[in-house]
Amino acid sequence: IIGAGKMSRLLVQHLVGKGAVQISILNR
């Protein structure tokens, strides 16, 4: 996930809810 704002938080929330476990965050 590139970015760490509100939309990225929602992305993590939905991804984790769907079973994703290998997640990297890229941010300035």
mmCIF file of all heavy atoms, coordinates in Angstrom:
data_MODEL
# 
_entry.id   MODEL 
# 
loop_
_atom_site.group_PDB 
_atom_site.id 
_atom_site.type_symbol 
_atom_site.label_atom_id 
_atom_site.label_alt_id 
_atom_site.label_comp_id 
_atom_site.label_asym_id 
_atom_site.label_entity_id 
_atom_site.label_seq_id 
_atom_site.pdbx_PDB_ins_code 
_atom_site.Cartn_x 
_atom_site.Cartn_y 
_atom_site.Cartn_z 
_atom_site.occupancy 
_atom_site.B_iso_or_equiv 
_atom_site.pdbx_formal_charge 
_atom_site.auth_seq_id 
_atom_site.auth_comp_id 
_atom_site.auth_asym_id 
_atom_site.auth_atom_id 
_atom_site.pdbx_PDB_model_num 
ATOM 1   N N   . ILE A 1 1  ? 0.865   -1.186  0.000  1.00 0.00 ? 1  ILE A N   1 
ATOM 2   C CA  . ILE A 1 1  ? 0.000   0.000   0.000  1.00 0.00 ? 1  ILE A CA  1 
ATOM 3   C C   . ILE A 1 1  ? 0.894   1.227   0.000  1.00 0.00 ? 1  ILE A C   1 
ATOM 4   O O   . ILE A 1 1  ? 1.758   1.371   0.874  1.00 0.00 ? 1  ILE A O   1 
ATOM 5   C CB  . ILE A 1 1  ? -0.927  0.016   1.233  1.00 0.00 ? 1  ILE A CB  1 
ATOM 6   C CG1 . ILE A 1 1  ? -1.847  -1.203  1.225  1.00 0.00 ? 1  ILE A CG1 1 
ATOM 7   C CG2 . ILE A 1 1  ? -1.751  1.305   1.277  1.00 0.00 ? 1  ILE A CG2 1 
ATOM 8   C CD1 . ILE A 1 1  ? -2.695  -1.352  2.484  1.00 0.00 ? 1  ILE A CD1 1 
ATOM 9   N N   . ILE A 1 2  ? 0.690   2.083   -0.988 1.00 0.00 ? 2  ILE A N   1 
ATOM 10  C CA  . ILE A 1 2  ? 1.466   3.329   -1.075 1.00 0.00 ? 2  ILE A CA  1 
ATOM 11  C C   . ILE A 1 2  ? 0.597   4.453   -0.540 1.00 0.00 ? 2  ILE A C   1 
ATOM 12  O O   . ILE A 1 2  ? -0.451  4.778   -1.109 1.00 0.00 ? 2  ILE A O   1 
ATOM 13  C CB  . ILE A 1 2  ? 1.898   3.618   -2.522 1.00 0.00 ? 2  ILE A CB  1 
ATOM 14  C CG1 . ILE A 1 2  ? 2.685   2.425   -3.087 1.00 0.00 ? 2  ILE A CG1 1 
ATOM 15  C CG2 . ILE A 1 2  ? 2.741   4.890   -2.583 1.00 0.00 ? 2  ILE A CG2 1 
ATOM 16  C CD1 . ILE A 1 2  ? 3.011   2.554   -4.569 1.00 0.00 ? 2  ILE A CD1 1 
ATOM 17  N N   . GLY A 1 3  ? 1.029   5.051   0.583  1.00 0.00 ? 3  GLY A N   1 
ATOM 18  C CA  . GLY A 1 3  ? 0.247   6.074   1.263  1.00 0.00 ? 3  GLY A CA  1 
ATOM 19  C C   . GLY A 1 3  ? -0.170  5.578   2.635  1.00 0.00 ? 3  GLY A C   1 
ATOM 20  O O   . GLY A 1 3  ? -0.247  4.362   2.872  1.00 0.00 ? 3  GLY A O   1 
ATOM 21  N N   . ALA A 1 4  ? -0.415  6.521   3.573  1.00 0.00 ? 4  ALA A N   1 
ATOM 22  C CA  . ALA A 1 4  ? -0.771  6.116   4.944  1.00 0.00 ? 4  ALA A CA  1 
ATOM 23  C C   . ALA A 1 4  ? -1.892  6.979   5.512  1.00 0.00 ? 4  ALA A C   1 
ATOM 24  O O   . ALA A 1 4  ? -1.984  7.159   6.725  1.00 0.00 ? 4  ALA A O   1 
ATOM 25  C CB  . ALA A 1 4  ? 0.465   6.193   5.840  1.00 0.00 ? 4  ALA A CB  1 
ATOM 26  N N   . GLY A 1 5  ? -2.747  7.481   4.638  1.00 0.00 ? 5  GLY A N   1 
ATOM 27  C CA  . GLY A 1 5  ? -3.863  8.311   5.092  1.00 0.00 ? 5  GLY A CA  1 
ATOM 28  C C   . GLY A 1 5  ? -5.095  7.495   5.426  1.00 0.00 ? 5  GLY A C   1 
ATOM 29  O O   . GLY A 1 5  ? -5.030  6.272   5.620  1.00 0.00 ? 5  GLY A O   1 
ATOM 30  N N   . LYS A 1 6  ? -6.256  8.173   5.485  1.00 0.00 ? 6  LYS A N   1 
ATOM 31  C CA  . LYS A 1 6  ? -7.506  7.519   5.868  1.00 0.00 ? 6  LYS A CA  1 
ATOM 32  C C   . LYS A 1 6  ? -7.883  6.390   4.905  1.00 0.00 ? 6  LYS A C   1 
ATOM 33  O O   . LYS A 1 6  ? -8.301  5.306   5.314  1.00 0.00 ? 6  LYS A O   1 
ATOM 34  C CB  . LYS A 1 6  ? -8.631  8.561   5.916  1.00 0.00 ? 6  LYS A CB  1 
ATOM 35  C CG  . LYS A 1 6  ? -9.975  7.978   6.312  1.00 0.00 ? 6  LYS A CG  1 
ATOM 36  C CD  . LYS A 1 6  ? -11.060 9.042   6.308  1.00 0.00 ? 6  LYS A CD  1 
ATOM 37  C CE  . LYS A 1 6  ? -12.415 8.426   6.642  1.00 0.00 ? 6  LYS A CE  1 
ATOM 38  N NZ  . LYS A 1 6  ? -13.500 9.435   6.608  1.00 0.00 ? 6  LYS A NZ  1 
ATOM 39  N N   . MET A 1 7  ? -7.729  6.652   3.596  1.00 0.00 ? 7  MET A N   1 
ATOM 40  C CA  . MET A 1 7  ? -8.084  5.630   2.610  1.00 0.00 ? 7  MET A CA  1 
ATOM 41  C C   . MET A 1 7  ? -7.195  4.398   2.757  1.00 0.00 ? 7  MET A C   1 
ATOM 42  O O   . MET A 1 7  ? -7.656  3.267   2.595  1.00 0.00 ? 7  MET A O   1 
ATOM 43  C CB  . MET A 1 7  ? -7.968  6.197   1.199  1.00 0.00 ? 7  MET A CB  1 
ATOM 44  C CG  . MET A 1 7  ? -8.883  7.369   0.918  1.00 0.00 ? 7  MET A CG  1 
ATOM 45  S SD  . MET A 1 7  ? -10.599 6.863   0.740  1.00 0.00 ? 7  MET A SD  1 
ATOM 46  C CE  . MET A 1 7  ? -10.643 6.494   -1.008 1.00 0.00 ? 7  MET A CE  1 
ATOM 47  N N   . SER A 1 8  ? -5.927  4.627   3.078  1.00 0.00 ? 8  SER A N   1 
ATOM 48  C CA  . SER A 1 8  ? -5.012  3.495   3.285  1.00 0.00 ? 8  SER A CA  1 
ATOM 49  C C   . SER A 1 8  ? -5.400  2.703   4.521  1.00 0.00 ? 8  SER A C   1 
ATOM 50  O O   . SER A 1 8  ? -5.319  1.466   4.544  1.00 0.00 ? 8  SER A O   1 
ATOM 51  C CB  . SER A 1 8  ? -3.571  3.994   3.412  1.00 0.00 ? 8  SER A CB  1 
ATOM 52  O OG  . SER A 1 8  ? -3.145  4.583   2.199  1.00 0.00 ? 8  SER A OG  1 
ATOM 53  N N   . ARG A 1 9  ? -5.846  3.407   5.572  1.00 0.00 ? 9  ARG A N   1 
ATOM 54  C CA  . ARG A 1 9  ? -6.311  2.714   6.780  1.00 0.00 ? 9  ARG A CA  1 
ATOM 55  C C   . ARG A 1 9  ? -7.486  1.798   6.445  1.00 0.00 ? 9  ARG A C   1 
ATOM 56  O O   . ARG A 1 9  ? -7.553  0.652   6.896  1.00 0.00 ? 9  ARG A O   1 
ATOM 57  C CB  . ARG A 1 9  ? -6.725  3.728   7.845  1.00 0.00 ? 9  ARG A CB  1 
ATOM 58  C CG  . ARG A 1 9  ? -7.239  3.073   9.125  1.00 0.00 ? 9  ARG A CG  1 
ATOM 59  C CD  . ARG A 1 9  ? -7.683  4.092   10.147 1.00 0.00 ? 9  ARG A CD  1 
ATOM 60  N NE  . ARG A 1 9  ? -8.822  4.866   9.681  1.00 0.00 ? 9  ARG A NE  1 
ATOM 61  C CZ  . ARG A 1 9  ? -10.081 4.428   9.682  1.00 0.00 ? 9  ARG A CZ  1 
ATOM 62  N NH1 . ARG A 1 9  ? -10.358 3.197   10.094 1.00 0.00 ? 9  ARG A NH1 1 
ATOM 63  N NH2 . ARG A 1 9  ? -11.058 5.199   9.263  1.00 0.00 ? 9  ARG A NH2 1 
ATOM 64  N N   . LEU A 1 10 ? -8.415  2.312   5.634  1.00 0.00 ? 10 LEU A N   1 
ATOM 65  C CA  . LEU A 1 10 ? -9.562  1.495   5.224  1.00 0.00 ? 10 LEU A CA  1 
ATOM 66  C C   . LEU A 1 10 ? -9.115  0.305   4.374  1.00 0.00 ? 10 LEU A C   1 
ATOM 67  O O   . LEU A 1 10 ? -9.661  -0.791  4.490  1.00 0.00 ? 10 LEU A O   1 
ATOM 68  C CB  . LEU A 1 10 ? -10.571 2.355   4.460  1.00 0.00 ? 10 LEU A CB  1 
ATOM 69  C CG  . LEU A 1 10 ? -11.302 3.403   5.297  1.00 0.00 ? 10 LEU A CG  1 
ATOM 70  C CD1 . LEU A 1 10 ? -12.117 4.326   4.398  1.00 0.00 ? 10 LEU A CD1 1 
ATOM 71  C CD2 . LEU A 1 10 ? -12.211 2.736   6.321  1.00 0.00 ? 10 LEU A CD2 1 
ATOM 72  N N   . LEU A 1 11 ? -8.108  0.542   3.526  1.00 0.00 ? 11 LEU A N   1 
ATOM 73  C CA  . LEU A 1 11 ? -7.577  -0.562  2.720  1.00 0.00 ? 11 LEU A CA  1 
ATOM 74  C C   . LEU A 1 11 ? -7.036  -1.678  3.614  1.00 0.00 ? 11 LEU A C   1 
ATOM 75  O O   . LEU A 1 11 ? -7.330  -2.860  3.402  1.00 0.00 ? 11 LEU A O   1 
ATOM 76  C CB  . LEU A 1 11 ? -6.464  -0.050  1.795  1.00 0.00 ? 11 LEU A CB  1 
ATOM 77  C CG  . LEU A 1 11 ? -6.884  0.709   0.541  1.00 0.00 ? 11 LEU A CG  1 
ATOM 78  C CD1 . LEU A 1 11 ? -5.675  1.352   -0.123 1.00 0.00 ? 11 LEU A CD1 1 
ATOM 79  C CD2 . LEU A 1 11 ? -7.594  -0.224  -0.447 1.00 0.00 ? 11 LEU A CD2 1 
ATOM 80  N N   . VAL A 1 12 ? -6.234  -1.292  4.614  1.00 0.00 ? 12 VAL A N   1 
ATOM 81  C CA  . VAL A 1 12 ? -5.682  -2.297  5.536  1.00 0.00 ? 12 VAL A CA  1 
ATOM 82  C C   . VAL A 1 12 ? -6.813  -3.035  6.243  1.00 0.00 ? 12 VAL A C   1 
ATOM 83  O O   . VAL A 1 12 ? -6.811  -4.272  6.351  1.00 0.00 ? 12 VAL A O   1 
ATOM 84  C CB  . VAL A 1 12 ? -4.743  -1.632  6.574  1.00 0.00 ? 12 VAL A CB  1 
ATOM 85  C CG1 . VAL A 1 12 ? -4.290  -2.667  7.605  1.00 0.00 ? 12 VAL A CG1 1 
ATOM 86  C CG2 . VAL A 1 12 ? -3.537  -1.003  5.895  1.00 0.00 ? 12 VAL A CG2 1 
ATOM 87  N N   . GLN A 1 13 ? -7.797  -2.289  6.705  1.00 0.00 ? 13 GLN A N   1 
ATOM 88  C CA  . GLN A 1 13 ? -8.924  -2.881  7.423  1.00 0.00 ? 13 GLN A CA  1 
ATOM 89  C C   . GLN A 1 13 ? -9.634  -3.936  6.574  1.00 0.00 ? 13 GLN A C   1 
ATOM 90  O O   . GLN A 1 13 ? -9.902  -5.052  7.040  1.00 0.00 ? 13 GLN A O   1 
ATOM 91  C CB  . GLN A 1 13 ? -9.912  -1.766  7.806  1.00 0.00 ? 13 GLN A CB  1 
ATOM 92  C CG  . GLN A 1 13 ? -11.140 -2.237  8.564  1.00 0.00 ? 13 GLN A CG  1 
ATOM 93  C CD  . GLN A 1 13 ? -12.069 -1.083  8.904  1.00 0.00 ? 13 GLN A CD  1 
ATOM 94  O OE1 . GLN A 1 13 ? -11.616 -0.023  9.340  1.00 0.00 ? 13 GLN A OE1 1 
ATOM 95  N NE2 . GLN A 1 13 ? -13.348 -1.266  8.684  1.00 0.00 ? 13 GLN A NE2 1 
ATOM 96  N N   . HIS A 1 14 ? -9.919  -3.578  5.318  1.00 0.00 ? 14 HIS A N   1 
ATOM 97  C CA  . HIS A 1 14 ? -10.623 -4.508  4.438  1.00 0.00 ? 14 HIS A CA  1 
ATOM 98  C C   . HIS A 1 14 ? -9.726  -5.684  4.025  1.00 0.00 ? 14 HIS A C   1 
ATOM 99  O O   . HIS A 1 14 ? -10.191 -6.822  3.932  1.00 0.00 ? 14 HIS A O   1 
ATOM 100 C CB  . HIS A 1 14 ? -11.134 -3.776  3.195  1.00 0.00 ? 14 HIS A CB  1 
ATOM 101 C CG  . HIS A 1 14 ? -12.222 -2.793  3.491  1.00 0.00 ? 14 HIS A CG  1 
ATOM 102 N ND1 . HIS A 1 14 ? -13.413 -3.146  4.072  1.00 0.00 ? 14 HIS A ND1 1 
ATOM 103 C CD2 . HIS A 1 14 ? -12.286 -1.452  3.279  1.00 0.00 ? 14 HIS A CD2 1 
ATOM 104 C CE1 . HIS A 1 14 ? -14.174 -2.074  4.205  1.00 0.00 ? 14 HIS A CE1 1 
ATOM 105 N NE2 . HIS A 1 14 ? -13.514 -1.034  3.740  1.00 0.00 ? 14 HIS A NE2 1 
ATOM 106 N N   . LEU A 1 15 ? -8.453  -5.413  3.779  1.00 0.00 ? 15 LEU A N   1 
ATOM 107 C CA  . LEU A 1 15 ? -7.526  -6.480  3.396  1.00 0.00 ? 15 LEU A CA  1 
ATOM 108 C C   . LEU A 1 15 ? -7.371  -7.514  4.508  1.00 0.00 ? 15 LEU A C   1 
ATOM 109 O O   . LEU A 1 15 ? -7.423  -8.726  4.274  1.00 0.00 ? 15 LEU A O   1 
ATOM 110 C CB  . LEU A 1 15 ? -6.161  -5.890  3.031  1.00 0.00 ? 15 LEU A CB  1 
ATOM 111 C CG  . LEU A 1 15 ? -6.064  -5.223  1.657  1.00 0.00 ? 15 LEU A CG  1 
ATOM 112 C CD1 . LEU A 1 15 ? -4.828  -4.336  1.574  1.00 0.00 ? 15 LEU A CD1 1 
ATOM 113 C CD2 . LEU A 1 15 ? -6.033  -6.284  0.546  1.00 0.00 ? 15 LEU A CD2 1 
ATOM 114 N N   . VAL A 1 16 ? -7.185  -7.018  5.732  1.00 0.00 ? 16 VAL A N   1 
ATOM 115 C CA  . VAL A 1 16 ? -7.049  -7.921  6.879  1.00 0.00 ? 16 VAL A CA  1 
ATOM 116 C C   . VAL A 1 16 ? -8.331  -8.727  7.045  1.00 0.00 ? 16 VAL A C   1 
ATOM 117 O O   . VAL A 1 16 ? -8.307  -9.935  7.310  1.00 0.00 ? 16 VAL A O   1 
ATOM 118 C CB  . VAL A 1 16 ? -6.724  -7.121  8.164  1.00 0.00 ? 16 VAL A CB  1 
ATOM 119 C CG1 . VAL A 1 16 ? -6.826  -8.016  9.396  1.00 0.00 ? 16 VAL A CG1 1 
ATOM 120 C CG2 . VAL A 1 16 ? -5.331  -6.501  8.059  1.00 0.00 ? 16 VAL A CG2 1 
ATOM 121 N N   . GLY A 1 17 ? -9.463  -8.056  6.863  1.00 0.00 ? 17 GLY A N   1 
ATOM 122 C CA  . GLY A 1 17 ? -10.755 -8.737  6.975  1.00 0.00 ? 17 GLY A CA  1 
ATOM 123 C C   . GLY A 1 17 ? -10.933 -9.832  5.935  1.00 0.00 ? 17 GLY A C   1 
ATOM 124 O O   . GLY A 1 17 ? -11.668 -10.800 6.162  1.00 0.00 ? 17 GLY A O   1 
ATOM 125 N N   . LYS A 1 18 ? -10.263 -9.693  4.796  1.00 0.00 ? 18 LYS A N   1 
ATOM 126 C CA  . LYS A 1 18 ? -10.369 -10.695 3.724  1.00 0.00 ? 18 LYS A CA  1 
ATOM 127 C C   . LYS A 1 18 ? -9.250  -11.731 3.786  1.00 0.00 ? 18 LYS A C   1 
ATOM 128 O O   . LYS A 1 18 ? -9.127  -12.562 2.895  1.00 0.00 ? 18 LYS A O   1 
ATOM 129 C CB  . LYS A 1 18 ? -10.330 -10.004 2.361  1.00 0.00 ? 18 LYS A CB  1 
ATOM 130 C CG  . LYS A 1 18 ? -11.474 -9.025  2.104  1.00 0.00 ? 18 LYS A CG  1 
ATOM 131 C CD  . LYS A 1 18 ? -12.815 -9.715  1.956  1.00 0.00 ? 18 LYS A CD  1 
ATOM 132 C CE  . LYS A 1 18 ? -13.912 -8.738  1.557  1.00 0.00 ? 18 LYS A CE  1 
ATOM 133 N NZ  . LYS A 1 18 ? -15.233 -9.398  1.464  1.00 0.00 ? 18 LYS A NZ  1 
ATOM 134 N N   . GLY A 1 19 ? -8.386  -11.633 4.807  1.00 0.00 ? 19 GLY A N   1 
ATOM 135 C CA  . GLY A 1 19 ? -7.388  -12.683 5.007  1.00 0.00 ? 19 GLY A CA  1 
ATOM 136 C C   . GLY A 1 19 ? -5.962  -12.347 4.617  1.00 0.00 ? 19 GLY A C   1 
ATOM 137 O O   . GLY A 1 19 ? -5.067  -13.194 4.745  1.00 0.00 ? 19 GLY A O   1 
ATOM 138 N N   . ALA A 1 20 ? -5.691  -11.126 4.123  1.00 0.00 ? 20 ALA A N   1 
ATOM 139 C CA  . ALA A 1 20 ? -4.320  -10.763 3.744  1.00 0.00 ? 20 ALA A CA  1 
ATOM 140 C C   . ALA A 1 20 ? -3.424  -10.695 4.979  1.00 0.00 ? 20 ALA A C   1 
ATOM 141 O O   . ALA A 1 20 ? -3.840  -10.175 6.022  1.00 0.00 ? 20 ALA A O   1 
ATOM 142 C CB  . ALA A 1 20 ? -4.314  -9.429  3.010  1.00 0.00 ? 20 ALA A CB  1 
ATOM 143 N N   . VAL A 1 21 ? -2.211  -11.219 4.858  1.00 0.00 ? 21 VAL A N   1 
ATOM 144 C CA  . VAL A 1 21 ? -1.287  -11.232 6.008  1.00 0.00 ? 21 VAL A CA  1 
ATOM 145 C C   . VAL A 1 21 ? 0.086   -10.640 5.669  1.00 0.00 ? 21 VAL A C   1 
ATOM 146 O O   . VAL A 1 21 ? 0.854   -10.297 6.570  1.00 0.00 ? 21 VAL A O   1 
ATOM 147 C CB  . VAL A 1 21 ? -1.111  -12.663 6.551  1.00 0.00 ? 21 VAL A CB  1 
ATOM 148 C CG1 . VAL A 1 21 ? -2.395  -13.156 7.203  1.00 0.00 ? 21 VAL A CG1 1 
ATOM 149 C CG2 . VAL A 1 21 ? -0.669  -13.631 5.461  1.00 0.00 ? 21 VAL A CG2 1 
ATOM 150 N N   . GLN A 1 22 ? 0.394   -10.512 4.368  1.00 0.00 ? 22 GLN A N   1 
ATOM 151 C CA  . GLN A 1 22 ? 1.705   -9.974  3.959  1.00 0.00 ? 22 GLN A CA  1 
ATOM 152 C C   . GLN A 1 22 ? 1.480   -8.567  3.394  1.00 0.00 ? 22 GLN A C   1 
ATOM 153 O O   . GLN A 1 22 ? 1.261   -8.395  2.202  1.00 0.00 ? 22 GLN A O   1 
ATOM 154 C CB  . GLN A 1 22 ? 2.349   -10.866 2.896  1.00 0.00 ? 22 GLN A CB  1 
ATOM 155 C CG  . GLN A 1 22 ? 2.518   -12.322 3.320  1.00 0.00 ? 22 GLN A CG  1 
ATOM 156 C CD  . GLN A 1 22 ? 3.085   -13.180 2.201  1.00 0.00 ? 22 GLN A CD  1 
ATOM 157 O OE1 . GLN A 1 22 ? 4.255   -13.022 1.805  1.00 0.00 ? 22 GLN A OE1 1 
ATOM 158 N NE2 . GLN A 1 22 ? 2.268   -14.082 1.668  1.00 0.00 ? 22 GLN A NE2 1 
ATOM 159 N N   . ILE A 1 23 ? 1.513   -7.570  4.271  1.00 0.00 ? 23 ILE A N   1 
ATOM 160 C CA  . ILE A 1 23 ? 1.194   -6.197  3.860  1.00 0.00 ? 23 ILE A CA  1 
ATOM 161 C C   . ILE A 1 23 ? 2.351   -5.266  4.199  1.00 0.00 ? 23 ILE A C   1 
ATOM 162 O O   . ILE A 1 23 ? 2.837   -5.244  5.337  1.00 0.00 ? 23 ILE A O   1 
ATOM 163 C CB  . ILE A 1 23 ? -0.092  -5.694  4.544  1.00 0.00 ? 23 ILE A CB  1 
ATOM 164 C CG1 . ILE A 1 23 ? -1.266  -6.645  4.251  1.00 0.00 ? 23 ILE A CG1 1 
ATOM 165 C CG2 . ILE A 1 23 ? -0.427  -4.275  4.090  1.00 0.00 ? 23 ILE A CG2 1 
ATOM 166 C CD1 . ILE A 1 23 ? -2.551  -6.289  4.985  1.00 0.00 ? 23 ILE A CD1 1 
ATOM 167 N N   . SER A 1 24 ? 2.781   -4.499  3.193  1.00 0.00 ? 24 SER A N   1 
ATOM 168 C CA  . SER A 1 24 ? 3.827   -3.489  3.389  1.00 0.00 ? 24 SER A CA  1 
ATOM 169 C C   . SER A 1 24 ? 3.228   -2.105  3.155  1.00 0.00 ? 24 SER A C   1 
ATOM 170 O O   . SER A 1 24 ? 2.386   -1.921  2.274  1.00 0.00 ? 24 SER A O   1 
ATOM 171 C CB  . SER A 1 24 ? 4.982   -3.704  2.417  1.00 0.00 ? 24 SER A CB  1 
ATOM 172 O OG  . SER A 1 24 ? 5.625   -4.944  2.665  1.00 0.00 ? 24 SER A OG  1 
ATOM 173 N N   . ILE A 1 25 ? 3.690   -1.133  3.973  1.00 0.00 ? 25 ILE A N   1 
ATOM 174 C CA  . ILE A 1 25 ? 3.237   0.251   3.842  1.00 0.00 ? 25 ILE A CA  1 
ATOM 175 C C   . ILE A 1 25 ? 4.400   1.105   3.374  1.00 0.00 ? 25 ILE A C   1 
ATOM 176 O O   . ILE A 1 25 ? 5.470   1.111   3.994  1.00 0.00 ? 25 ILE A O   1 
ATOM 177 C CB  . ILE A 1 25 ? 2.718   0.810   5.190  1.00 0.00 ? 25 ILE A CB  1 
ATOM 178 C CG1 . ILE A 1 25 ? 1.667   -0.123  5.811  1.00 0.00 ? 25 ILE A CG1 1 
ATOM 179 C CG2 . ILE A 1 25 ? 2.162   2.222   4.998  1.00 0.00 ? 25 ILE A CG2 1 
ATOM 180 C CD1 . ILE A 1 25 ? 0.389   -0.239  5.038  1.00 0.00 ? 25 ILE A CD1 1 
ATOM 181 N N   . LEU A 1 26 ? 4.191   1.816   2.288  1.00 0.00 ? 26 LEU A N   1 
ATOM 182 C CA  . LEU A 1 26 ? 5.190   2.773   1.784  1.00 0.00 ? 26 LEU A CA  1 
ATOM 183 C C   . LEU A 1 26 ? 4.654   4.179   1.990  1.00 0.00 ? 26 LEU A C   1 
ATOM 184 O O   . LEU A 1 26 ? 3.528   4.485   1.578  1.00 0.00 ? 26 LEU A O   1 
ATOM 185 C CB  . LEU A 1 26 ? 5.430   2.560   0.287  1.00 0.00 ? 26 LEU A CB  1 
ATOM 186 C CG  . LEU A 1 26 ? 6.299   1.370   -0.140 1.00 0.00 ? 26 LEU A CG  1 
ATOM 187 C CD1 . LEU A 1 26 ? 6.076   1.069   -1.607 1.00 0.00 ? 26 LEU A CD1 1 
ATOM 188 C CD2 . LEU A 1 26 ? 7.758   1.670   0.121  1.00 0.00 ? 26 LEU A CD2 1 
ATOM 189 N N   . ASN A 1 27 ? 5.449   5.029   2.639  1.00 0.00 ? 27 ASN A N   1 
ATOM 190 C CA  . ASN A 1 27 ? 4.978   6.402   2.850  1.00 0.00 ? 27 ASN A CA  1 
ATOM 191 C C   . ASN A 1 27 ? 6.159   7.354   2.996  1.00 0.00 ? 27 ASN A C   1 
ATOM 192 O O   . ASN A 1 27 ? 7.223   6.964   3.484  1.00 0.00 ? 27 ASN A O   1 
ATOM 193 C CB  . ASN A 1 27 ? 4.090   6.466   4.104  1.00 0.00 ? 27 ASN A CB  1 
ATOM 194 C CG  . ASN A 1 27 ? 3.252   7.736   4.130  1.00 0.00 ? 27 ASN A CG  1 
ATOM 195 O OD1 . ASN A 1 27 ? 2.486   7.975   3.202  1.00 0.00 ? 27 ASN A OD1 1 
ATOM 196 N ND2 . ASN A 1 27 ? 3.413   8.553   5.153  1.00 0.00 ? 27 ASN A ND2 1 
ATOM 197 N N   . ARG A 1 28 ? 5.935   8.593   2.596  1.00 0.00 ? 28 ARG A N   1 
ATOM 198 C CA  . ARG A 1 28 ? 7.006   9.593   2.690  1.00 0.00 ? 28 ARG A CA  1 
ATOM 199 C C   . ARG A 1 28 ? 7.365   9.855   4.150  1.00 0.00 ? 28 ARG A C   1 
ATOM 200 O O   . ARG A 1 28 ? 8.526   9.967   4.511  1.00 0.00 ? 28 ARG A O   1 
ATOM 201 C CB  . ARG A 1 28 ? 6.545   10.892  2.008  1.00 0.00 ? 28 ARG A CB  1 
ATOM 202 C CG  . ARG A 1 28 ? 7.684   11.878  1.727  1.00 0.00 ? 28 ARG A CG  1 
ATOM 203 C CD  . ARG A 1 28 ? 7.159   13.110  1.017  1.00 0.00 ? 28 ARG A CD  1 
ATOM 204 N NE  . ARG A 1 28 ? 6.434   12.771  -0.199 1.00 0.00 ? 28 ARG A NE  1 
ATOM 205 C CZ  . ARG A 1 28 ? 7.001   12.486  -1.374 1.00 0.00 ? 28 ARG A CZ  1 
ATOM 206 N NH1 . ARG A 1 28 ? 8.324   12.481  -1.474 1.00 0.00 ? 28 ARG A NH1 1 
ATOM 207 N NH2 . ARG A 1 28 ? 6.261   12.208  -2.426 1.00 0.00 ? 28 ARG A NH2 1 
# 
